PDB file of all heavy atoms in Angstrom:
ATOM      1  N   ILE A   1     -16.404   4.559  14.622  1.00  0.00           N
ATOM      2  CA  ILE A   1     -16.028   4.046  15.944  1.00  0.00           C
ATOM      3  C   ILE A   1     -17.162   3.219  16.586  1.00  0.00           C
ATOM      4  O   ILE A   1     -16.875   2.273  17.365  1.00  0.00           O
ATOM      5  CB  ILE A   1     -15.570   5.205  16.853  1.00  0.00           C
ATOM      6  CG1 ILE A   1     -14.519   4.712  17.914  1.00  0.00           C
ATOM      7  CG2 ILE A   1     -16.770   5.826  17.534  1.00  0.00           C
ATOM      8  CD1 ILE A   1     -13.800   5.802  18.626  1.00  0.00           C
ATOM      9  N   LEU A   2     -18.406   3.526  16.248  1.00  0.00           N
ATOM     10  CA  LEU A   2     -19.469   2.721  16.852  1.00  0.00           C
ATOM     11  C   LEU A   2     -19.602   1.378  16.197  1.00  0.00           C
ATOM     12  O   LEU A   2     -20.091   0.399  16.837  1.00  0.00           O
ATOM     13  CB  LEU A   2     -20.829   3.486  16.701  1.00  0.00           C
ATOM     14  CG  LEU A   2     -20.941   4.669  17.662  1.00  0.00           C
ATOM     15  CD1 LEU A   2     -22.303   5.342  17.452  1.00  0.00           C
ATOM     16  CD2 LEU A   2     -20.825   4.219  19.111  1.00  0.00           C
ATOM     17  N   THR A   3     -19.228   1.208  14.922  1.00  0.00           N
ATOM     18  CA  THR A   3     -19.248  -0.094  14.309  1.00  0.00           C
ATOM     19  C   THR A   3     -18.032  -0.909  14.717  1.00  0.00           C
ATOM     20  O   THR A   3     -18.000  -2.128  14.461  1.00  0.00           O
ATOM     21  CB  THR A   3     -19.302   0.014  12.786  1.00  0.00           C
ATOM     22  OG1 THR A   3     -18.233   0.882  12.333  1.00  0.00           O
ATOM     23  CG2 THR A   3     -20.618   0.631  12.328  1.00  0.00           C
ATOM     24  N   GLY A   4     -17.053  -0.247  15.299  1.00  0.00           N
ATOM     25  CA  GLY A   4     -15.868  -0.987  15.767  1.00  0.00           C
ATOM     26  C   GLY A   4     -14.852  -1.083  14.599  1.00  0.00           C
ATOM     27  O   GLY A   4     -15.230  -1.323  13.436  1.00  0.00           O
ATOM     28  N   ASN A   5     -13.616  -0.986  14.950  1.00  0.00           N
ATOM     29  CA  ASN A   5     -12.598  -1.187  13.950  1.00  0.00           C
ATOM     30  C   ASN A   5     -12.529  -2.661  13.629  1.00  0.00           C
ATOM     31  O   ASN A   5     -12.360  -3.502  14.538  1.00  0.00           O
ATOM     32  CB  ASN A   5     -11.226  -0.643  14.477  1.00  0.00           C
ATOM     33  CG  ASN A   5     -10.162  -0.787  13.443  1.00  0.00           C
ATOM     34  OD1 ASN A   5      -9.664  -1.887  13.169  1.00  0.00           O
ATOM     35  ND2 ASN A   5      -9.739   0.321  12.913  1.00  0.00           N
ATOM     36  N   PHE A   6     -12.678  -3.023  12.371  1.00  0.00           N
ATOM     37  CA  PHE A   6     -12.771  -4.352  11.940  1.00  0.00           C
ATOM     38  C   PHE A   6     -11.488  -5.199  12.392  1.00  0.00           C
ATOM     39  O   PHE A   6     -11.710  -6.286  12.944  1.00  0.00           O
ATOM     40  CB  PHE A   6     -12.970  -4.508  10.448  1.00  0.00           C
ATOM     41  CG  PHE A   6     -14.225  -3.888   9.970  1.00  0.00           C
ATOM     42  CD1 PHE A   6     -14.375  -3.437   8.646  1.00  0.00           C
ATOM     43  CD2 PHE A   6     -15.268  -3.694  10.811  1.00  0.00           C
ATOM     44  CE1 PHE A   6     -15.521  -2.857   8.191  1.00  0.00           C
ATOM     45  CE2 PHE A   6     -16.481  -3.122  10.415  1.00  0.00           C
ATOM     46  CZ  PHE A   6     -16.648  -2.733   9.063  1.00  0.00           C
ATOM     47  N   VAL A   7     -10.375  -4.678  12.147  1.00  0.00           N
ATOM     48  CA  VAL A   7      -9.142  -5.378  12.448  1.00  0.00           C
ATOM     49  C   VAL A   7      -8.931  -5.481  13.929  1.00  0.00           C
ATOM     50  O   VAL A   7      -8.437  -6.493  14.431  1.00  0.00           O
ATOM     51  CB  VAL A   7      -7.929  -4.739  11.764  1.00  0.00           C
ATOM     52  CG1 VAL A   7      -6.659  -5.540  12.043  1.00  0.00           C
ATOM     53  CG2 VAL A   7      -8.201  -4.661  10.251  1.00  0.00           C
ATOM     54  N   VAL A   8      -9.262  -4.445  14.676  1.00  0.00           N
ATOM     55  CA  VAL A   8      -9.077  -4.468  16.118  1.00  0.00           C
ATOM     56  C   VAL A   8      -9.939  -5.540  16.748  1.00  0.00           C
ATOM     57  O   VAL A   8      -9.460  -6.304  17.646  1.00  0.00           O
ATOM     58  CB  VAL A   8      -9.396  -3.116  16.781  1.00  0.00           C
ATOM     59  CG1 VAL A   8      -9.508  -3.171  18.281  1.00  0.00           C
ATOM     60  CG2 VAL A   8      -8.341  -2.061  16.397  1.00  0.00           C
ATOM     61  N   GLU A   9     -11.159  -5.674  16.303  1.00  0.00           N
ATOM     62  CA  GLU A   9     -12.049  -6.681  16.834  1.00  0.00           C
ATOM     63  C   GLU A   9     -11.534  -8.126  16.482  1.00  0.00           C
ATOM     64  O   GLU A   9     -11.563  -9.047  17.300  1.00  0.00           O
ATOM     65  CB  GLU A   9     -13.448  -6.554  16.278  1.00  0.00           C
ATOM     66  CG  GLU A   9     -14.240  -5.394  16.844  1.00  0.00           C
ATOM     67  CD  GLU A   9     -15.668  -5.452  16.414  1.00  0.00           C
ATOM     68  OE1 GLU A   9     -16.102  -6.390  15.759  1.00  0.00           O
ATOM     69  OE2 GLU A   9     -16.379  -4.465  16.716  1.00  0.00           O
ATOM     70  N   TYR A  10     -10.902  -8.239  15.344  1.00  0.00           N
ATOM     71  CA  TYR A  10     -10.341  -9.482  14.896  1.00  0.00           C
ATOM     72  C   TYR A  10      -9.115  -9.839  15.751  1.00  0.00           C
ATOM     73  O   TYR A  10      -8.940 -11.019  16.150  1.00  0.00           O
ATOM     74  CB  TYR A  10      -9.984  -9.447  13.416  1.00  0.00           C
ATOM     75  CG  TYR A  10      -9.583 -10.793  12.865  1.00  0.00           C
ATOM     76  CD1 TYR A  10     -10.580 -11.737  12.498  1.00  0.00           C
ATOM     77  CD2 TYR A  10      -8.246 -11.096  12.641  1.00  0.00           C
ATOM     78  CE1 TYR A  10     -10.173 -12.964  11.980  1.00  0.00           C
ATOM     79  CE2 TYR A  10      -7.901 -12.323  12.099  1.00  0.00           C
ATOM     80  CZ  TYR A  10      -8.827 -13.276  11.778  1.00  0.00           C
ATOM     81  OH  TYR A  10      -8.478 -14.463  11.223  1.00  0.00           O
ATOM     82  N   VAL A  11      -8.263  -8.846  16.038  1.00  0.00           N
ATOM     83  CA  VAL A  11      -7.049  -9.118  16.805  1.00  0.00           C
ATOM     84  C   VAL A  11      -7.386  -9.571  18.224  1.00  0.00           C
ATOM     85  O   VAL A  11      -6.796 -10.491  18.768  1.00  0.00           O
ATOM     86  CB  VAL A  11      -6.180  -7.832  16.880  1.00  0.00           C
ATOM     87  CG1 VAL A  11      -5.047  -7.955  17.849  1.00  0.00           C
ATOM     88  CG2 VAL A  11      -5.589  -7.491  15.481  1.00  0.00           C
ATOM     89  N   PHE A  12      -8.366  -8.914  18.842  1.00  0.00           N
ATOM     90  CA  PHE A  12      -8.748  -9.233  20.204  1.00  0.00           C
ATOM     91  C   PHE A  12      -9.864 -10.288  20.299  1.00  0.00           C
ATOM     92  O   PHE A  12     -10.354 -10.559  21.420  1.00  0.00           O
ATOM     93  CB  PHE A  12      -9.147  -7.967  20.937  1.00  0.00           C
ATOM     94  CG  PHE A  12      -8.045  -7.002  21.237  1.00  0.00           C
ATOM     95  CD1 PHE A  12      -7.856  -5.902  20.453  1.00  0.00           C
ATOM     96  CD2 PHE A  12      -7.190  -7.233  22.296  1.00  0.00           C
ATOM     97  CE1 PHE A  12      -6.822  -5.047  20.703  1.00  0.00           C
ATOM     98  CE2 PHE A  12      -6.127  -6.386  22.589  1.00  0.00           C
ATOM     99  CZ  PHE A  12      -5.933  -5.276  21.763  1.00  0.00           C
ATOM    100  N   ASN A  13     -10.270 -10.869  19.172  1.00  0.00           N
ATOM    101  CA  ASN A  13     -11.238 -11.896  19.105  1.00  0.00           C
ATOM    102  C   ASN A  13     -12.547 -11.506  19.810  1.00  0.00           C
ATOM    103  O   ASN A  13     -13.107 -12.169  20.611  1.00  0.00           O
ATOM    104  CB  ASN A  13     -10.683 -13.192  19.822  1.00  0.00           C
ATOM    105  CG  ASN A  13     -11.536 -14.422  19.471  1.00  0.00           C
ATOM    106  OD1 ASN A  13     -12.103 -14.541  18.348  1.00  0.00           O
ATOM    107  ND2 ASN A  13     -11.590 -15.395  20.378  1.00  0.00           N
ATOM    108  N   ILE A  14     -13.006 -10.298  19.411  1.00  0.00           N
ATOM    109  CA  ILE A  14     -14.265  -9.744  19.951  1.00  0.00           C
ATOM    110  C   ILE A  14     -15.363 -10.142  18.999  1.00  0.00           C
ATOM    111  O   ILE A  14     -15.266  -9.895  17.827  1.00  0.00           O
ATOM    112  CB  ILE A  14     -14.181  -8.224  20.068  1.00  0.00           C
ATOM    113  CG1 ILE A  14     -13.059  -7.835  21.057  1.00  0.00           C
ATOM    114  CG2 ILE A  14     -15.520  -7.647  20.530  1.00  0.00           C
ATOM    115  CD1 ILE A  14     -12.807  -6.383  21.119  1.00  0.00           C
ATOM    116  N   PRO A  15     -16.419 -10.799  19.529  1.00  0.00           N
ATOM    117  CA  PRO A  15     -17.521 -11.259  18.650  1.00  0.00           C
ATOM    118  C   PRO A  15     -18.423 -10.113  18.154  1.00  0.00           C
ATOM    119  O   PRO A  15     -19.642 -10.207  18.356  1.00  0.00           O
ATOM    120  CB  PRO A  15     -18.239 -12.270  19.515  1.00  0.00           C
ATOM    121  CG  PRO A  15     -18.030 -11.756  20.895  1.00  0.00           C
ATOM    122  CD  PRO A  15     -16.641 -11.156  20.908  1.00  0.00           C
ATOM    123  N   GLY A  16     -17.875  -9.108  17.536  1.00  0.00           N
ATOM    124  CA  GLY A  16     -18.677  -7.981  17.007  1.00  0.00           C
ATOM    125  C   GLY A  16     -18.827  -8.129  15.533  1.00  0.00           C
ATOM    126  O   GLY A  16     -18.367  -9.113  14.890  1.00  0.00           O
ATOM    127  N   ILE A  17     -19.469  -7.147  14.910  1.00  0.00           N
ATOM    128  CA  ILE A  17     -19.689  -7.159  13.463  1.00  0.00           C
ATOM    129  C   ILE A  17     -18.375  -7.011  12.693  1.00  0.00           C
ATOM    130  O   ILE A  17     -18.292  -7.419  11.567  1.00  0.00           O
ATOM    131  CB  ILE A  17     -20.735  -6.137  13.035  1.00  0.00           C
ATOM    132  CG1 ILE A  17     -20.294  -4.712  13.394  1.00  0.00           C
ATOM    133  CG2 ILE A  17     -22.125  -6.474  13.629  1.00  0.00           C
ATOM    134  CD1 ILE A  17     -21.177  -3.676  12.846  1.00  0.00           C
ATOM    135  N   GLY A  18     -17.419  -6.381  13.324  1.00  0.00           N
ATOM    136  CA  GLY A  18     -16.114  -6.219  12.630  1.00  0.00           C
ATOM    137  C   GLY A  18     -15.434  -7.529  12.383  1.00  0.00           C
ATOM    138  O   GLY A  18     -14.961  -7.753  11.240  1.00  0.00           O
ATOM    139  N   ARG A  19     -15.478  -8.397  13.386  1.00  0.00           N
ATOM    140  CA  ARG A  19     -14.861  -9.719  13.165  1.00  0.00           C
ATOM    141  C   ARG A  19     -15.636 -10.496  12.162  1.00  0.00           C
ATOM    142  O   ARG A  19     -15.065 -11.229  11.330  1.00  0.00           O
ATOM    143  CB  ARG A  19     -14.779 -10.502  14.503  1.00  0.00           C
ATOM    144  CG  ARG A  19     -13.923 -11.751  14.434  1.00  0.00           C
ATOM    145  CD  ARG A  19     -13.967 -12.495  15.696  1.00  0.00           C
ATOM    146  NE  ARG A  19     -15.271 -13.102  15.934  1.00  0.00           N
ATOM    147  CZ  ARG A  19     -15.514 -13.955  17.012  1.00  0.00           C
ATOM    148  NH1 ARG A  19     -14.565 -14.280  17.840  1.00  0.00           N
ATOM    149  NH2 ARG A  19     -16.740 -14.445  17.160  1.00  0.00           N
ATOM    150  N   SER A  20     -16.951 -10.385  12.191  1.00  0.00           N
ATOM    151  CA  SER A  20     -17.777 -11.077  11.155  1.00  0.00           C
ATOM    152  C   SER A  20     -17.418 -10.619   9.737  1.00  0.00           C
ATOM    153  O   SER A  20     -17.365 -11.407   8.827  1.00  0.00           O
ATOM    154  CB  SER A  20     -19.269 -10.886  11.452  1.00  0.00           C
ATOM    155  OG  SER A  20     -19.634 -11.409  12.710  1.00  0.00           O
ATOM    156  N   PHE A  21     -17.179  -9.322   9.636  1.00  0.00           N
ATOM    157  CA  PHE A  21     -16.865  -8.760   8.337  1.00  0.00           C
ATOM    158  C   PHE A  21     -15.492  -9.301   7.820  1.00  0.00           C
ATOM    159  O   PHE A  21     -15.393  -9.687   6.633  1.00  0.00           O
ATOM    160  CB  PHE A  21     -16.815  -7.228   8.399  1.00  0.00           C
ATOM    161  CG  PHE A  21     -16.413  -6.533   7.113  1.00  0.00           C
ATOM    162  CD1 PHE A  21     -17.360  -6.369   6.065  1.00  0.00           C
ATOM    163  CD2 PHE A  21     -15.104  -6.129   6.885  1.00  0.00           C
ATOM    164  CE1 PHE A  21     -16.979  -5.745   4.906  1.00  0.00           C
ATOM    165  CE2 PHE A  21     -14.762  -5.501   5.721  1.00  0.00           C
ATOM    166  CZ  PHE A  21     -15.698  -5.319   4.721  1.00  0.00           C
ATOM    167  N   VAL A  22     -14.500  -9.332   8.689  1.00  0.00           N
ATOM    168  CA  VAL A  22     -13.173  -9.803   8.286  1.00  0.00           C
ATOM    169  C   VAL A  22     -13.233 -11.242   7.913  1.00  0.00           C
ATOM    170  O   VAL A  22     -12.700 -11.688   6.861  1.00  0.00           O
ATOM    171  CB  VAL A  22     -12.141  -9.580   9.454  1.00  0.00           C
ATOM    172  CG1 VAL A  22     -10.821 -10.181   9.077  1.00  0.00           C
ATOM    173  CG2 VAL A  22     -11.951  -8.081   9.684  1.00  0.00           C
ATOM    174  N   THR A  23     -13.880 -12.099   8.679  1.00  0.00           N
ATOM    175  CA  THR A  23     -13.981 -13.513   8.378  1.00  0.00           C
ATOM    176  C   THR A  23     -14.801 -13.773   7.127  1.00  0.00           C
ATOM    177  O   THR A  23     -14.526 -14.739   6.387  1.00  0.00           O
ATOM    178  CB  THR A  23     -14.571 -14.355   9.543  1.00  0.00           C
ATOM    179  OG1 THR A  23     -15.840 -13.783   9.900  1.00  0.00           O
ATOM    180  CG2 THR A  23     -13.613 -14.252  10.784  1.00  0.00           C
ATOM    181  N   SER A  24     -15.793 -12.927   6.883  1.00  0.00           N
ATOM    182  CA  SER A  24     -16.658 -13.138   5.726  1.00  0.00           C
ATOM    183  C   SER A  24     -15.879 -12.879   4.410  1.00  0.00           C
ATOM    184  O   SER A  24     -16.202 -13.433   3.400  1.00  0.00           O
ATOM    185  CB  SER A  24     -17.857 -12.165   5.779  1.00  0.00           C
ATOM    186  OG  SER A  24     -17.492 -10.840   5.672  1.00  0.00           O
ATOM    187  N   ILE A  25     -14.869 -12.014   4.428  1.00  0.00           N
ATOM    188  CA  ILE A  25     -14.064 -11.777   3.280  1.00  0.00           C
ATOM    189  C   ILE A  25     -13.309 -13.037   2.890  1.00  0.00           C
ATOM    190  O   ILE A  25     -13.272 -13.443   1.712  1.00  0.00           O
ATOM    191  CB  ILE A  25     -13.106 -10.621   3.512  1.00  0.00           C
ATOM    192  CG1 ILE A  25     -13.843  -9.299   3.720  1.00  0.00           C
ATOM    193  CG2 ILE A  25     -12.145 -10.470   2.329  1.00  0.00           C
ATOM    194  CD1 ILE A  25     -13.000  -8.127   4.073  1.00  0.00           C
ATOM    195  N   GLY A  26     -12.640 -13.668   3.824  1.00  0.00           N
ATOM    196  CA  GLY A  26     -11.957 -14.932   3.524  1.00  0.00           C
ATOM    197  C   GLY A  26     -12.838 -16.047   3.156  1.00  0.00           C
ATOM    198  O   GLY A  26     -12.518 -16.907   2.336  1.00  0.00           O
ATOM    199  N   ASN A  27     -14.069 -16.053   3.696  1.00  0.00           N
ATOM    200  CA  ASN A  27     -15.026 -17.110   3.419  1.00  0.00           C
ATOM    201  C   ASN A  27     -15.897 -16.837   2.176  1.00  0.00           C
ATOM    202  O   ASN A  27     -16.722 -17.657   1.850  1.00  0.00           O
ATOM    203  CB  ASN A  27     -15.947 -17.307   4.612  1.00  0.00           C
ATOM    204  CG  ASN A  27     -15.214 -17.892   5.821  1.00  0.00           C
ATOM    205  OD1 ASN A  27     -14.198 -18.585   5.680  1.00  0.00           O
ATOM    206  ND2 ASN A  27     -15.703 -17.594   7.024  1.00  0.00           N
ATOM    207  N   ARG A  28     -15.736 -15.659   1.592  1.00  0.00           N
ATOM    208  CA  ARG A  28     -16.573 -15.199   0.458  1.00  0.00           C
ATOM    209  C   ARG A  28     -18.036 -15.280   0.855  1.00  0.00           C
ATOM    210  O   ARG A  28     -18.912 -15.647   0.056  1.00  0.00           O
ATOM    211  CB  ARG A  28     -16.298 -16.082  -0.750  1.00  0.00           C
ATOM    212  CG  ARG A  28     -14.953 -15.870  -1.387  1.00  0.00           C
ATOM    213  CD  ARG A  28     -14.914 -16.482  -2.775  1.00  0.00           C
ATOM    214  NE  ARG A  28     -13.636 -16.218  -3.442  1.00  0.00           N
ATOM    215  CZ  ARG A  28     -13.462 -16.367  -4.729  1.00  0.00           C
ATOM    216  NH1 ARG A  28     -14.406 -16.924  -5.469  1.00  0.00           N
ATOM    217  NH2 ARG A  28     -12.296 -16.105  -5.298  1.00  0.00           N
ATOM    218  N   ASP A  29     -18.294 -14.844   2.059  1.00  0.00           N
ATOM    219  CA  ASP A  29     -19.750 -14.806   2.512  1.00  0.00           C
ATOM    220  C   ASP A  29     -20.243 -13.466   2.101  1.00  0.00           C
ATOM    221  O   ASP A  29     -20.374 -12.490   2.840  1.00  0.00           O
ATOM    222  CB  ASP A  29     -19.762 -14.986   4.033  1.00  0.00           C
ATOM    223  CG  ASP A  29     -21.141 -15.374   4.509  1.00  0.00           C
ATOM    224  OD1 ASP A  29     -22.099 -15.187   3.716  1.00  0.00           O
ATOM    225  OD2 ASP A  29     -21.254 -15.902   5.645  1.00  0.00           O
ATOM    226  N   TYR A  30     -20.718 -13.374   0.839  1.00  0.00           N
ATOM    227  CA  TYR A  30     -21.099 -12.101   0.241  1.00  0.00           C
ATOM    228  C   TYR A  30     -22.272 -11.400   0.979  1.00  0.00           C
ATOM    229  O   TYR A  30     -22.203 -10.183   1.137  1.00  0.00           O
ATOM    230  CB  TYR A  30     -21.505 -12.327  -1.216  1.00  0.00           C
ATOM    231  CG  TYR A  30     -20.359 -12.823  -2.109  1.00  0.00           C
ATOM    232  CD1 TYR A  30     -20.656 -13.552  -3.272  1.00  0.00           C
ATOM    233  CD2 TYR A  30     -19.054 -12.619  -1.744  1.00  0.00           C
ATOM    234  CE1 TYR A  30     -19.612 -14.020  -4.086  1.00  0.00           C
ATOM    235  CE2 TYR A  30     -18.024 -13.120  -2.541  1.00  0.00           C
ATOM    236  CZ  TYR A  30     -18.314 -13.802  -3.714  1.00  0.00           C
ATOM    237  OH  TYR A  30     -17.279 -14.289  -4.452  1.00  0.00           O
ATOM    238  N   PRO A  31     -23.269 -12.089   1.410  1.00  0.00           N
ATOM    239  CA  PRO A  31     -24.345 -11.381   2.150  1.00  0.00           C
ATOM    240  C   PRO A  31     -23.861 -10.707   3.429  1.00  0.00           C
ATOM    241  O   PRO A  31     -24.334  -9.592   3.759  1.00  0.00           O
ATOM    242  CB  PRO A  31     -25.370 -12.514   2.494  1.00  0.00           C
ATOM    243  CG  PRO A  31     -25.139 -13.535   1.456  1.00  0.00           C
ATOM    244  CD  PRO A  31     -23.670 -13.498   1.149  1.00  0.00           C
ATOM    245  N   VAL A  32     -22.911 -11.266   4.190  1.00  0.00           N
ATOM    246  CA  VAL A  32     -22.357 -10.662   5.321  1.00  0.00           C
ATOM    247  C   VAL A  32     -21.541  -9.404   4.983  1.00  0.00           C
ATOM    248  O   VAL A  32     -21.629  -8.351   5.621  1.00  0.00           O
ATOM    249  CB  VAL A  32     -21.477 -11.637   6.127  1.00  0.00           C
ATOM    250  CG1 VAL A  32     -20.859 -10.916   7.323  1.00  0.00           C
ATOM    251  CG2 VAL A  32     -22.306 -12.825   6.561  1.00  0.00           C
ATOM    252  N   ILE A  33     -20.748  -9.498   3.890  1.00  0.00           N
ATOM    253  CA  ILE A  33     -19.986  -8.337   3.422  1.00  0.00           C
ATOM    254  C   ILE A  33     -20.881  -7.190   3.057  1.00  0.00           C
ATOM    255  O   ILE A  33     -20.708  -6.046   3.464  1.00  0.00           O
ATOM    256  CB  ILE A  33     -19.124  -8.725   2.232  1.00  0.00           C
ATOM    257  CG1 ILE A  33     -18.081  -9.792   2.643  1.00  0.00           C
ATOM    258  CG2 ILE A  33     -18.388  -7.519   1.707  1.00  0.00           C
ATOM    259  CD1 ILE A  33     -17.260 -10.354   1.458  1.00  0.00           C
ATOM    260  N   MET A  34     -21.963  -7.480   2.302  1.00  0.00           N
ATOM    261  CA  MET A  34     -22.852  -6.481   1.819  1.00  0.00           C
ATOM    262  C   MET A  34     -23.671  -5.899   3.007  1.00  0.00           C
ATOM    263  O   MET A  34     -23.913  -4.654   3.089  1.00  0.00           O
ATOM    264  CB  MET A  34     -23.804  -6.999   0.730  1.00  0.00           C
ATOM    265  CG  MET A  34     -23.046  -7.254  -0.554  1.00  0.00           C
ATOM    266  SD  MET A  34     -24.143  -7.743  -1.936  1.00  0.00           S
ATOM    267  CE  MET A  34     -24.579  -9.457  -1.502  1.00  0.00           C
ATOM    268  N   GLY A  35     -24.095  -6.784   3.924  1.00  0.00           N
ATOM    269  CA  GLY A  35     -24.951  -6.312   5.046  1.00  0.00           C
ATOM    270  C   GLY A  35     -24.118  -5.339   5.942  1.00  0.00           C
ATOM    271  O   GLY A  35     -24.638  -4.270   6.365  1.00  0.00           O
ATOM    272  N   THR A  36     -22.867  -5.676   6.292  1.00  0.00           N
ATOM    273  CA  THR A  36     -22.084  -4.803   7.132  1.00  0.00           C
ATOM    274  C   THR A  36     -21.723  -3.538   6.406  1.00  0.00           C
ATOM    275  O   THR A  36     -21.595  -2.443   7.056  1.00  0.00           O
ATOM    276  CB  THR A  36     -20.836  -5.542   7.663  1.00  0.00           C
ATOM    277  OG1 THR A  36     -20.167  -6.115   6.496  1.00  0.00           O
ATOM    278  CG2 THR A  36     -21.191  -6.666   8.606  1.00  0.00           C
TER     279      THR A  36
END
């Protein structure tokens, strides 16, 4: 809960690490995926 639900942050357009993780999957941004 402290890292935030990834999809919830994406739905509400919250600039947290959850949204970064979701967008990094589509962008194949491997360092972001591994870091989160």
